[in-house]
Amino acid sequence: MINPKLKVGDRVQILHMEDEMDIIPMGTWGTVERVSNVMDEDIYGVKWDNGKTLNILSTTDVWDTEENRGKFKKKKITESGEIERHNALYGNLDVFANFKMRYLNEYLRKVRECGAVNMFTAASFLYMGRDRMEHMFAYQDIDSEICEEVLDMANMAQHEMVSGVIKVLESEGKEVELNKINRYLQRYSQKVLDSYMHLF
């Protein structure tokens, strides 16, 4: 399991830290010094082996522990749900590297609370924007007042998805063209949603 619960004294290895990879590079080990929870987000104060002290957050960062890896290797293949979750998160590290997952996870949490869509089919909500969503809500007779927070966040979610896709294209050395952005938006919206669903 990626992002196992931590306690003071645990050794942790960072796999991705949003906006801080230049300070704490991927693969850095550290020791947990503090544990707290604020609004359903686990926050761990970590003293990193490179001398830095920086928190890791359950909503945006990805980590693992040596103990957890040992347990995972010993798991029986019959525990396929746990193995699937582990593989899905490791396979989506590019999502954590290129997208503002804290905002997108919060947005998807609001989408879930709104109840306007089955979460398995919510990927398009990440890039559709407010205007299209308002039309969809009206057409499907969904009370947009209940989903007002989702509508308020929709354009920013769309912006974050487009920005993340552009980062992916640039990291792959591909030209940033509208048809590629649209194609990648669909693919990466599903990857963002998959990461959210495996984490939460």
N, C-alpha and C. Protein backbone atom coordinates (compact mmCIF):
# COMPACT_ATOMS: atom_id res chain seq x y z
N MET A 1 0.85 -1.19 0.00
CA MET A 1 0.00 0.00 0.00
C MET A 1 0.88 1.24 0.00
N ILE A 2 0.67 2.12 -0.97
CA ILE A 2 1.37 3.41 -1.00
C ILE A 2 0.71 4.31 0.05
N ASN A 3 1.49 5.26 0.59
CA ASN A 3 1.01 6.19 1.61
C ASN A 3 0.44 5.48 2.84
N PRO A 4 1.22 4.56 3.41
CA PRO A 4 0.73 3.93 4.64
C PRO A 4 0.69 4.95 5.76
N LYS A 5 -0.17 4.72 6.74
CA LYS A 5 -0.20 5.58 7.93
C LYS A 5 1.17 5.53 8.60
N LEU A 6 1.58 6.67 9.13
CA LEU A 6 2.90 6.77 9.76
C LEU A 6 2.76 7.13 11.22
N LYS A 7 3.80 6.81 11.99
CA LYS A 7 3.86 7.22 13.40
C LYS A 7 5.26 7.79 13.65
N VAL A 8 5.39 8.51 14.74
CA VAL A 8 6.68 9.11 15.08
C VAL A 8 7.75 8.01 15.14
N GLY A 9 8.87 8.28 14.51
CA GLY A 9 9.98 7.34 14.47
C GLY A 9 10.05 6.49 13.21
N ASP A 10 8.94 6.44 12.44
CA ASP A 10 8.94 5.65 11.20
C ASP A 10 9.92 6.23 10.20
N ARG A 11 10.54 5.33 9.41
CA ARG A 11 11.38 5.73 8.30
C ARG A 11 10.51 5.76 7.04
N VAL A 12 10.61 6.84 6.27
CA VAL A 12 9.74 7.05 5.12
C VAL A 12 10.59 7.46 3.92
N GLN A 13 10.18 7.00 2.73
CA GLN A 13 10.86 7.39 1.50
C GLN A 13 9.87 8.15 0.63
N ILE A 14 10.28 9.33 0.15
CA ILE A 14 9.39 10.15 -0.67
C ILE A 14 9.46 9.66 -2.12
N LEU A 15 8.30 9.47 -2.72
CA LEU A 15 8.21 9.09 -4.13
C LEU A 15 7.81 10.30 -4.97
N HIS A 16 7.02 11.20 -4.37
CA HIS A 16 6.68 12.47 -5.02
C HIS A 16 6.23 13.45 -3.95
N MET A 17 6.70 14.70 -4.09
CA MET A 17 6.27 15.78 -3.20
C MET A 17 5.92 16.97 -4.07
N GLU A 18 4.67 17.39 -4.05
CA GLU A 18 4.22 18.46 -4.92
C GLU A 18 4.96 19.76 -4.64
N ASP A 19 5.54 20.33 -5.67
CA ASP A 19 6.24 21.62 -5.65
C ASP A 19 7.53 21.64 -4.84
N GLU A 20 7.96 20.51 -4.29
CA GLU A 20 9.14 20.52 -3.42
C GLU A 20 10.20 19.51 -3.84
N MET A 21 10.11 18.97 -5.06
CA MET A 21 11.06 17.93 -5.46
C MET A 21 12.48 18.46 -5.58
N ASP A 22 12.66 19.77 -5.74
CA ASP A 22 14.01 20.33 -5.77
C ASP A 22 14.62 20.36 -4.37
N ILE A 23 13.78 20.41 -3.33
CA ILE A 23 14.26 20.43 -1.95
C ILE A 23 14.42 19.01 -1.42
N ILE A 24 13.41 18.17 -1.67
CA ILE A 24 13.44 16.77 -1.24
C ILE A 24 13.30 15.91 -2.49
N PRO A 25 14.41 15.51 -3.11
CA PRO A 25 14.33 14.73 -4.36
C PRO A 25 13.66 13.36 -4.15
N MET A 26 13.06 12.86 -5.21
CA MET A 26 12.43 11.55 -5.18
C MET A 26 13.45 10.51 -4.71
N GLY A 27 13.01 9.65 -3.81
CA GLY A 27 13.87 8.60 -3.29
C GLY A 27 14.55 8.94 -1.97
N THR A 28 14.42 10.21 -1.52
CA THR A 28 15.04 10.62 -0.26
C THR A 28 14.34 9.95 0.92
N TRP A 29 15.13 9.51 1.90
CA TRP A 29 14.60 8.90 3.11
C TRP A 29 14.59 9.92 4.24
N GLY A 30 13.67 9.73 5.19
CA GLY A 30 13.60 10.60 6.36
C GLY A 30 12.94 9.88 7.52
N THR A 31 12.91 10.59 8.65
CA THR A 31 12.32 10.04 9.88
C THR A 31 11.17 10.93 10.32
N VAL A 32 10.03 10.32 10.61
CA VAL A 32 8.84 11.06 11.04
C VAL A 32 9.06 11.60 12.45
N GLU A 33 8.87 12.92 12.62
CA GLU A 33 9.04 13.55 13.93
C GLU A 33 7.72 14.00 14.55
N ARG A 34 6.70 14.30 13.69
CA ARG A 34 5.39 14.76 14.17
C ARG A 34 4.29 14.17 13.31
N VAL A 35 3.13 13.96 13.94
CA VAL A 35 1.96 13.44 13.22
C VAL A 35 0.77 14.29 13.61
N SER A 36 0.01 14.76 12.61
CA SER A 36 -1.22 15.50 12.89
C SER A 36 -2.22 15.25 11.77
N ASN A 37 -3.46 15.68 12.01
CA ASN A 37 -4.52 15.55 11.03
C ASN A 37 -5.34 16.82 11.05
N VAL A 38 -5.47 17.45 9.88
CA VAL A 38 -6.25 18.67 9.76
C VAL A 38 -7.25 18.48 8.63
N MET A 39 -8.53 18.53 8.95
CA MET A 39 -9.61 18.40 7.97
C MET A 39 -9.41 17.16 7.08
N ASP A 40 -9.23 16.02 7.71
CA ASP A 40 -9.08 14.72 7.03
C ASP A 40 -7.82 14.60 6.20
N GLU A 41 -6.84 15.48 6.42
CA GLU A 41 -5.56 15.36 5.74
C GLU A 41 -4.50 15.00 6.78
N ASP A 42 -3.83 13.87 6.57
CA ASP A 42 -2.73 13.49 7.45
C ASP A 42 -1.51 14.32 7.10
N ILE A 43 -0.87 14.89 8.12
CA ILE A 43 0.32 15.72 7.94
C ILE A 43 1.41 15.13 8.81
N TYR A 44 2.55 14.83 8.18
CA TYR A 44 3.67 14.23 8.89
C TYR A 44 4.89 15.15 8.79
N GLY A 45 5.40 15.59 9.94
CA GLY A 45 6.63 16.35 9.97
C GLY A 45 7.81 15.41 9.87
N VAL A 46 8.64 15.58 8.85
CA VAL A 46 9.73 14.64 8.59
C VAL A 46 11.07 15.36 8.59
N LYS A 47 12.04 14.78 9.27
CA LYS A 47 13.44 15.21 9.21
C LYS A 47 14.08 14.34 8.14
N TRP A 48 14.43 14.94 7.01
CA TRP A 48 14.95 14.20 5.86
C TRP A 48 16.45 13.96 6.01
N ASP A 49 16.94 12.88 5.42
CA ASP A 49 18.35 12.52 5.52
C ASP A 49 19.27 13.54 4.87
N ASN A 50 18.73 14.41 4.00
CA ASN A 50 19.56 15.45 3.39
C ASN A 50 19.65 16.70 4.27
N GLY A 51 19.13 16.60 5.51
CA GLY A 51 19.24 17.70 6.47
C GLY A 51 18.04 18.64 6.49
N LYS A 52 17.13 18.51 5.54
CA LYS A 52 15.96 19.39 5.47
C LYS A 52 14.85 18.83 6.37
N THR A 53 13.98 19.74 6.81
CA THR A 53 12.78 19.35 7.56
C THR A 53 11.59 19.89 6.77
N LEU A 54 10.70 18.98 6.38
CA LEU A 54 9.55 19.37 5.57
C LEU A 54 8.43 18.37 5.77
N ASN A 55 7.20 18.87 5.83
CA ASN A 55 6.03 18.01 6.01
C ASN A 55 5.70 17.25 4.73
N ILE A 56 5.07 16.09 4.90
CA ILE A 56 4.42 15.41 3.78
C ILE A 56 2.92 15.36 4.07
N LEU A 57 2.12 15.50 3.00
CA LEU A 57 0.67 15.61 3.12
C LEU A 57 -0.01 14.46 2.39
N SER A 58 -0.99 13.86 3.03
CA SER A 58 -1.65 12.68 2.46
C SER A 58 -2.44 13.00 1.19
N THR A 59 -2.82 14.25 0.98
CA THR A 59 -3.64 14.59 -0.19
C THR A 59 -2.82 14.88 -1.43
N THR A 60 -1.51 15.11 -1.29
CA THR A 60 -0.73 15.50 -2.47
C THR A 60 0.55 14.71 -2.66
N ASP A 61 1.12 14.22 -1.59
CA ASP A 61 2.44 13.59 -1.68
C ASP A 61 2.30 12.07 -1.72
N VAL A 62 3.35 11.42 -2.22
CA VAL A 62 3.35 9.96 -2.33
C VAL A 62 4.60 9.45 -1.64
N TRP A 63 4.42 8.46 -0.74
CA TRP A 63 5.56 7.92 0.00
C TRP A 63 5.36 6.43 0.23
N ASP A 64 6.43 5.84 0.71
CA ASP A 64 6.39 4.43 1.10
C ASP A 64 7.36 4.25 2.26
N THR A 65 7.29 3.10 2.91
CA THR A 65 8.20 2.80 4.01
C THR A 65 8.89 1.47 3.72
N GLU A 66 10.03 1.28 4.32
CA GLU A 66 10.76 0.02 4.15
C GLU A 66 9.92 -1.15 4.68
N GLU A 67 9.31 -0.94 5.84
CA GLU A 67 8.47 -1.98 6.45
C GLU A 67 7.31 -2.34 5.52
N ASN A 68 6.68 -1.32 4.96
CA ASN A 68 5.55 -1.53 4.06
C ASN A 68 5.97 -2.31 2.82
N ARG A 69 7.13 -1.98 2.26
CA ARG A 69 7.60 -2.70 1.07
C ARG A 69 7.85 -4.17 1.39
N GLY A 70 8.39 -4.43 2.57
CA GLY A 70 8.62 -5.81 2.99
C GLY A 70 7.31 -6.58 3.10
N LYS A 71 6.30 -5.94 3.69
CA LYS A 71 4.99 -6.59 3.82
C LYS A 71 4.39 -6.83 2.45
N PHE A 72 4.54 -5.84 1.55
CA PHE A 72 3.93 -5.97 0.22
C PHE A 72 4.55 -7.14 -0.53
N LYS A 73 5.87 -7.29 -0.43
CA LYS A 73 6.53 -8.38 -1.14
C LYS A 73 6.05 -9.74 -0.63
N LYS A 74 5.64 -9.82 0.64
CA LYS A 74 5.21 -11.09 1.23
C LYS A 74 3.73 -11.37 0.99
N LYS A 75 2.98 -10.38 0.47
CA LYS A 75 1.54 -10.57 0.28
C LYS A 75 1.27 -11.68 -0.73
N LYS A 76 0.20 -12.40 -0.50
CA LYS A 76 -0.21 -13.45 -1.43
C LYS A 76 -0.89 -12.79 -2.62
N ILE A 77 -0.79 -13.43 -3.74
CA ILE A 77 -1.38 -12.92 -4.97
C ILE A 77 -2.90 -12.82 -4.85
N THR A 78 -3.51 -13.53 -3.90
CA THR A 78 -4.95 -13.48 -3.72
C THR A 78 -5.41 -12.12 -3.22
N GLU A 79 -4.51 -11.34 -2.66
CA GLU A 79 -4.87 -10.01 -2.19
C GLU A 79 -4.77 -9.03 -3.35
N SER A 80 -5.49 -9.31 -4.43
CA SER A 80 -5.33 -8.58 -5.67
C SER A 80 -5.75 -7.11 -5.55
N GLY A 81 -6.71 -6.79 -4.72
CA GLY A 81 -7.12 -5.39 -4.56
C GLY A 81 -5.98 -4.52 -4.06
N GLU A 82 -5.25 -5.02 -3.07
CA GLU A 82 -4.11 -4.28 -2.52
C GLU A 82 -2.99 -4.17 -3.55
N ILE A 83 -2.74 -5.24 -4.27
CA ILE A 83 -1.70 -5.23 -5.30
C ILE A 83 -2.09 -4.28 -6.42
N GLU A 84 -3.36 -4.29 -6.81
CA GLU A 84 -3.84 -3.40 -7.86
C GLU A 84 -3.69 -1.94 -7.45
N ARG A 85 -4.01 -1.62 -6.21
CA ARG A 85 -3.88 -0.25 -5.71
C ARG A 85 -2.42 0.18 -5.72
N HIS A 86 -1.54 -0.69 -5.25
CA HIS A 86 -0.11 -0.41 -5.22
C HIS A 86 0.41 -0.12 -6.62
N ASN A 87 0.07 -1.01 -7.58
CA ASN A 87 0.54 -0.85 -8.95
C ASN A 87 -0.04 0.39 -9.61
N ALA A 88 -1.30 0.71 -9.32
CA ALA A 88 -1.93 1.88 -9.91
C ALA A 88 -1.25 3.16 -9.46
N LEU A 89 -0.93 3.26 -8.18
CA LEU A 89 -0.28 4.47 -7.69
C LEU A 89 1.15 4.59 -8.21
N TYR A 90 1.90 3.49 -8.21
CA TYR A 90 3.25 3.54 -8.77
C TYR A 90 3.20 3.88 -10.26
N GLY A 91 2.21 3.39 -10.97
CA GLY A 91 2.08 3.65 -12.40
C GLY A 91 1.63 5.06 -12.71
N ASN A 92 1.16 5.80 -11.72
CA ASN A 92 0.67 7.16 -11.94
C ASN A 92 1.55 8.22 -11.28
N LEU A 93 2.81 7.92 -11.03
CA LEU A 93 3.68 8.92 -10.41
C LEU A 93 3.82 10.16 -11.28
N ASP A 94 3.68 10.01 -12.63
CA ASP A 94 3.75 11.18 -13.50
C ASP A 94 2.60 12.15 -13.23
N VAL A 95 1.48 11.62 -12.77
CA VAL A 95 0.35 12.49 -12.41
C VAL A 95 0.75 13.38 -11.23
N PHE A 96 1.38 12.80 -10.22
CA PHE A 96 1.78 13.57 -9.05
C PHE A 96 2.89 14.56 -9.40
N ALA A 97 3.70 14.23 -10.40
CA ALA A 97 4.80 15.11 -10.78
C ALA A 97 4.34 16.31 -11.61
N ASN A 98 3.25 16.18 -12.34
CA ASN A 98 2.88 17.22 -13.30
C ASN A 98 1.58 17.97 -12.99
N PHE A 99 0.80 17.49 -12.04
CA PHE A 99 -0.50 18.10 -11.77
C PHE A 99 -0.58 18.55 -10.31
N LYS A 100 -1.37 19.59 -10.05
CA LYS A 100 -1.59 20.09 -8.70
C LYS A 100 -2.61 19.20 -8.01
N MET A 101 -2.12 18.07 -7.50
CA MET A 101 -3.02 17.05 -6.98
C MET A 101 -3.78 17.49 -5.73
N ARG A 102 -3.23 18.38 -4.97
CA ARG A 102 -3.96 18.84 -3.77
C ARG A 102 -5.28 19.49 -4.18
N TYR A 103 -5.20 20.41 -5.15
CA TYR A 103 -6.42 21.07 -5.62
C TYR A 103 -7.35 20.08 -6.30
N LEU A 104 -6.81 19.25 -7.19
CA LEU A 104 -7.64 18.32 -7.94
C LEU A 104 -8.29 17.27 -7.03
N ASN A 105 -7.59 16.81 -6.00
CA ASN A 105 -8.20 15.88 -5.05
C ASN A 105 -9.33 16.55 -4.28
N GLU A 106 -9.13 17.80 -3.88
CA GLU A 106 -10.19 18.54 -3.16
C GLU A 106 -11.40 18.72 -4.08
N TYR A 107 -11.15 19.05 -5.33
CA TYR A 107 -12.23 19.23 -6.30
C TYR A 107 -13.01 17.92 -6.48
N LEU A 108 -12.29 16.82 -6.65
CA LEU A 108 -12.97 15.53 -6.82
C LEU A 108 -13.74 15.14 -5.56
N ARG A 109 -13.26 15.52 -4.39
CA ARG A 109 -14.01 15.26 -3.16
C ARG A 109 -15.34 16.02 -3.19
N LYS A 110 -15.31 17.26 -3.68
CA LYS A 110 -16.55 18.06 -3.80
C LYS A 110 -17.49 17.45 -4.84
N VAL A 111 -16.92 16.95 -5.94
CA VAL A 111 -17.74 16.29 -6.97
C VAL A 111 -18.44 15.09 -6.35
N ARG A 112 -17.71 14.31 -5.56
CA ARG A 112 -18.30 13.13 -4.89
C ARG A 112 -19.44 13.56 -3.96
N GLU A 113 -19.19 14.61 -3.16
CA GLU A 113 -20.22 15.08 -2.22
C GLU A 113 -21.44 15.62 -2.95
N CYS A 114 -21.23 16.23 -4.10
CA CYS A 114 -22.33 16.78 -4.90
C CYS A 114 -23.26 15.67 -5.38
N GLY A 115 -22.70 14.52 -5.73
CA GLY A 115 -23.52 13.38 -6.14
C GLY A 115 -24.11 13.49 -7.54
N ALA A 116 -23.57 14.38 -8.36
CA ALA A 116 -24.12 14.57 -9.70
C ALA A 116 -23.70 13.50 -10.68
N VAL A 117 -22.69 12.70 -10.30
CA VAL A 117 -22.17 11.72 -11.23
C VAL A 117 -21.60 10.54 -10.43
N ASN A 118 -21.65 9.37 -11.03
CA ASN A 118 -20.96 8.21 -10.47
C ASN A 118 -19.46 8.50 -10.57
N MET A 119 -18.73 8.36 -9.49
CA MET A 119 -17.32 8.74 -9.49
C MET A 119 -16.49 7.95 -10.50
N PHE A 120 -16.91 6.76 -10.87
CA PHE A 120 -16.17 6.00 -11.88
C PHE A 120 -16.20 6.68 -13.24
N THR A 121 -17.17 7.59 -13.43
CA THR A 121 -17.30 8.28 -14.72
C THR A 121 -17.06 9.78 -14.57
N ALA A 122 -16.36 10.20 -13.54
CA ALA A 122 -16.20 11.63 -13.24
C ALA A 122 -14.99 12.28 -13.90
N ALA A 123 -14.23 11.55 -14.71
CA ALA A 123 -13.00 12.12 -15.28
C ALA A 123 -13.26 13.38 -16.09
N SER A 124 -14.34 13.41 -16.86
CA SER A 124 -14.61 14.58 -17.70
C SER A 124 -14.90 15.83 -16.87
N PHE A 125 -15.34 15.67 -15.62
CA PHE A 125 -15.59 16.82 -14.75
C PHE A 125 -14.30 17.60 -14.50
N LEU A 126 -13.16 16.94 -14.67
CA LEU A 126 -11.88 17.61 -14.42
C LEU A 126 -11.54 18.63 -15.49
N TYR A 127 -12.06 18.48 -16.70
CA TYR A 127 -11.69 19.41 -17.76
C TYR A 127 -12.87 20.09 -18.44
N MET A 128 -14.08 19.81 -18.01
CA MET A 128 -15.23 20.35 -18.74
C MET A 128 -15.50 21.83 -18.46
N GLY A 129 -15.14 22.37 -17.30
CA GLY A 129 -15.36 23.79 -17.03
C GLY A 129 -16.78 24.09 -16.58
N ARG A 130 -16.95 25.26 -15.99
CA ARG A 130 -18.23 25.64 -15.37
C ARG A 130 -19.39 25.71 -16.35
N ASP A 131 -19.20 26.37 -17.50
CA ASP A 131 -20.32 26.56 -18.43
C ASP A 131 -20.91 25.23 -18.89
N ARG A 132 -20.07 24.31 -19.31
CA ARG A 132 -20.57 23.00 -19.76
C ARG A 132 -21.24 22.24 -18.63
N MET A 133 -20.68 22.37 -17.41
CA MET A 133 -21.28 21.66 -16.28
C MET A 133 -22.65 22.24 -15.95
N GLU A 134 -22.79 23.56 -16.00
CA GLU A 134 -24.10 24.16 -15.72
C GLU A 134 -25.14 23.68 -16.73
N HIS A 135 -24.76 23.59 -18.01
CA HIS A 135 -25.69 23.08 -19.03
C HIS A 135 -26.05 21.62 -18.75
N MET A 136 -25.05 20.83 -18.38
CA MET A 136 -25.30 19.43 -18.08
C MET A 136 -26.23 19.29 -16.88
N PHE A 137 -25.99 20.08 -15.83
CA PHE A 137 -26.84 20.02 -14.63
C PHE A 137 -28.28 20.39 -14.98
N ALA A 138 -28.45 21.43 -15.80
CA ALA A 138 -29.80 21.85 -16.19
C ALA A 138 -30.49 20.76 -17.02
N TYR A 139 -29.76 20.17 -17.95
CA TYR A 139 -30.31 19.13 -18.82
C TYR A 139 -30.71 17.90 -18.01
N GLN A 140 -29.91 17.55 -17.01
CA GLN A 140 -30.19 16.37 -16.21
C GLN A 140 -31.01 16.69 -14.96
N ASP A 141 -31.45 17.93 -14.84
CA ASP A 141 -32.28 18.37 -13.72
C ASP A 141 -31.59 18.12 -12.37
N ILE A 142 -30.31 18.50 -12.29
CA ILE A 142 -29.54 18.40 -11.05
C ILE A 142 -29.58 19.76 -10.37
N ASP A 143 -29.84 19.78 -9.09
CA ASP A 143 -29.91 21.02 -8.33
C ASP A 143 -28.50 21.64 -8.24
N SER A 144 -28.26 22.67 -9.06
CA SER A 144 -26.93 23.27 -9.12
C SER A 144 -26.55 23.99 -7.83
N GLU A 145 -27.55 24.35 -7.00
CA GLU A 145 -27.23 24.99 -5.72
C GLU A 145 -26.47 24.03 -4.81
N ILE A 146 -26.87 22.76 -4.82
CA ILE A 146 -26.18 21.75 -4.02
C ILE A 146 -24.73 21.60 -4.51
N CYS A 147 -24.56 21.75 -5.80
CA CYS A 147 -23.24 21.55 -6.41
C CYS A 147 -22.52 22.86 -6.68
N GLU A 148 -22.92 23.93 -6.01
CA GLU A 148 -22.34 25.25 -6.28
C GLU A 148 -20.83 25.28 -6.07
N GLU A 149 -20.34 24.60 -5.04
CA GLU A 149 -18.90 24.59 -4.81
C GLU A 149 -18.16 23.91 -5.96
N VAL A 150 -18.75 22.86 -6.52
CA VAL A 150 -18.15 22.20 -7.67
C VAL A 150 -18.09 23.17 -8.85
N LEU A 151 -19.19 23.87 -9.09
CA LEU A 151 -19.22 24.83 -10.19
C LEU A 151 -18.19 25.95 -9.96
N ASP A 152 -18.06 26.40 -8.71
CA ASP A 152 -17.10 27.46 -8.41
C ASP A 152 -15.66 27.02 -8.66
N MET A 153 -15.39 25.73 -8.50
CA MET A 153 -14.02 25.21 -8.65
C MET A 153 -13.74 24.67 -10.06
N ALA A 154 -14.76 24.55 -10.89
CA ALA A 154 -14.63 23.84 -12.17
C ALA A 154 -13.64 24.48 -13.12
N ASN A 155 -13.67 25.80 -13.26
CA ASN A 155 -12.75 26.45 -14.20
C ASN A 155 -11.30 26.33 -13.75
N MET A 156 -11.07 26.40 -12.43
CA MET A 156 -9.70 26.23 -11.94
C MET A 156 -9.24 24.79 -12.15
N ALA A 157 -10.12 23.82 -11.95
CA ALA A 157 -9.76 22.42 -12.21
C ALA A 157 -9.39 22.24 -13.68
N GLN A 158 -10.19 22.84 -14.56
CA GLN A 158 -9.90 22.78 -15.99
C GLN A 158 -8.52 23.40 -16.28
N HIS A 159 -8.24 24.55 -15.69
CA HIS A 159 -6.94 25.22 -15.87
C HIS A 159 -5.80 24.34 -15.37
N GLU A 160 -5.96 23.73 -14.20
CA GLU A 160 -4.90 22.88 -13.65
C GLU A 160 -4.67 21.64 -14.52
N MET A 161 -5.74 21.10 -15.10
CA MET A 161 -5.59 19.95 -15.98
C MET A 161 -4.84 20.33 -17.26
N VAL A 162 -5.20 21.45 -17.85
CA VAL A 162 -4.51 21.89 -19.08
C VAL A 162 -3.04 22.19 -18.77
N SER A 163 -2.77 22.88 -17.67
CA SER A 163 -1.38 23.18 -17.29
C SER A 163 -0.58 21.90 -17.09
N GLY A 164 -1.18 20.91 -16.41
CA GLY A 164 -0.50 19.64 -16.19
C GLY A 164 -0.22 18.90 -17.48
N VAL A 165 -1.18 18.91 -18.39
CA VAL A 165 -1.00 18.24 -19.69
C VAL A 165 0.12 18.91 -20.47
N ILE A 166 0.19 20.23 -20.43
CA ILE A 166 1.27 20.94 -21.12
C ILE A 166 2.62 20.53 -20.53
N LYS A 167 2.71 20.40 -19.22
CA LYS A 167 3.95 19.94 -18.59
C LYS A 167 4.32 18.55 -19.07
N VAL A 168 3.32 17.66 -19.17
CA VAL A 168 3.58 16.30 -19.65
C VAL A 168 4.11 16.34 -21.07
N LEU A 169 3.45 17.09 -21.95
CA LEU A 169 3.88 17.18 -23.35
C LEU A 169 5.31 17.72 -23.44
N GLU A 170 5.60 18.75 -22.66
CA GLU A 170 6.94 19.33 -22.69
C GLU A 170 7.97 18.34 -22.17
N SER A 171 7.62 17.60 -21.11
CA SER A 171 8.57 16.62 -20.55
C SER A 171 8.84 15.47 -21.53
N GLU A 172 7.89 15.21 -22.42
CA GLU A 172 8.06 14.17 -23.43
C GLU A 172 8.67 14.71 -24.71
N GLY A 173 8.96 16.02 -24.74
CA GLY A 173 9.57 16.62 -25.92
C GLY A 173 8.62 16.74 -27.10
N LYS A 174 7.31 16.78 -26.82
CA LYS A 174 6.32 16.87 -27.89
C LYS A 174 5.85 18.31 -28.04
N GLU A 175 5.42 18.65 -29.26
CA GLU A 175 4.88 19.98 -29.50
C GLU A 175 3.55 20.16 -28.77
N VAL A 176 3.36 21.34 -28.23
CA VAL A 176 2.11 21.64 -27.52
C VAL A 176 1.10 22.14 -28.55
N GLU A 177 0.26 21.23 -29.01
CA GLU A 177 -0.77 21.54 -30.01
C GLU A 177 -2.13 21.21 -29.43
N LEU A 178 -3.16 21.91 -29.91
CA LEU A 178 -4.50 21.75 -29.37
C LEU A 178 -5.00 20.31 -29.45
N ASN A 179 -4.77 19.63 -30.57
CA ASN A 179 -5.28 18.25 -30.69
C ASN A 179 -4.57 17.33 -29.70
N LYS A 180 -3.27 17.56 -29.45
CA LYS A 180 -2.56 16.75 -28.46
C LYS A 180 -3.03 17.06 -27.06
N ILE A 181 -3.27 18.34 -26.77
CA ILE A 181 -3.78 18.72 -25.45
C ILE A 181 -5.10 18.03 -25.19
N ASN A 182 -6.00 18.06 -26.16
CA ASN A 182 -7.31 17.43 -25.99
C ASN A 182 -7.20 15.93 -25.78
N ARG A 183 -6.32 15.28 -26.54
CA ARG A 183 -6.14 13.83 -26.40
C ARG A 183 -5.55 13.50 -25.02
N TYR A 184 -4.55 14.26 -24.62
CA TYR A 184 -3.91 14.02 -23.32
C TYR A 184 -4.83 14.38 -22.16
N LEU A 185 -5.70 15.37 -22.35
CA LEU A 185 -6.66 15.74 -21.29
C LEU A 185 -7.52 14.54 -20.93
N GLN A 186 -8.01 13.84 -21.92
CA GLN A 186 -8.86 12.68 -21.64
C GLN A 186 -8.07 11.60 -20.91
N ARG A 187 -6.87 11.31 -21.39
CA ARG A 187 -6.05 10.26 -20.78
C ARG A 187 -5.67 10.63 -19.35
N TYR A 188 -5.19 11.86 -19.14
CA TYR A 188 -4.70 12.23 -17.82
C TYR A 188 -5.82 12.55 -16.84
N SER A 189 -6.97 12.93 -17.32
CA SER A 189 -8.11 13.09 -16.41
C SER A 189 -8.47 11.75 -15.79
N GLN A 190 -8.42 10.71 -16.60
CA GLN A 190 -8.70 9.37 -16.06
C GLN A 190 -7.61 8.95 -15.07
N LYS A 191 -6.35 9.28 -15.38
CA LYS A 191 -5.25 8.93 -14.47
C LYS A 191 -5.37 9.69 -13.14
N VAL A 192 -5.74 10.98 -13.21
CA VAL A 192 -5.94 11.77 -11.98
C VAL A 192 -7.07 11.16 -11.17
N LEU A 193 -8.17 10.83 -11.82
CA LEU A 193 -9.30 10.22 -11.13
C LEU A 193 -8.92 8.88 -10.52
N ASP A 194 -8.18 8.05 -11.26
CA ASP A 194 -7.74 6.75 -10.73
C ASP A 194 -6.89 6.93 -9.49
N SER A 195 -5.97 7.91 -9.53
CA SER A 195 -5.11 8.16 -8.36
C SER A 195 -5.95 8.59 -7.17
N TYR A 196 -6.91 9.48 -7.40
CA TYR A 196 -7.80 9.93 -6.33
C TYR A 196 -8.55 8.74 -5.73
N MET A 197 -9.10 7.89 -6.59
CA MET A 197 -9.92 6.78 -6.10
C MET A 197 -9.07 5.75 -5.35
N HIS A 198 -7.82 5.57 -5.75
CA HIS A 198 -6.96 4.63 -5.04
C HIS A 198 -6.46 5.20 -3.72
N LEU A 199 -6.32 6.52 -3.65
CA LEU A 199 -5.86 7.13 -2.40
C LEU A 199 -6.99 7.28 -1.39
N PHE A 200 -8.21 7.55 -1.88
CA PHE A 200 -9.31 7.86 -0.98
C PHE A 200 -10.44 6.85 -1.11
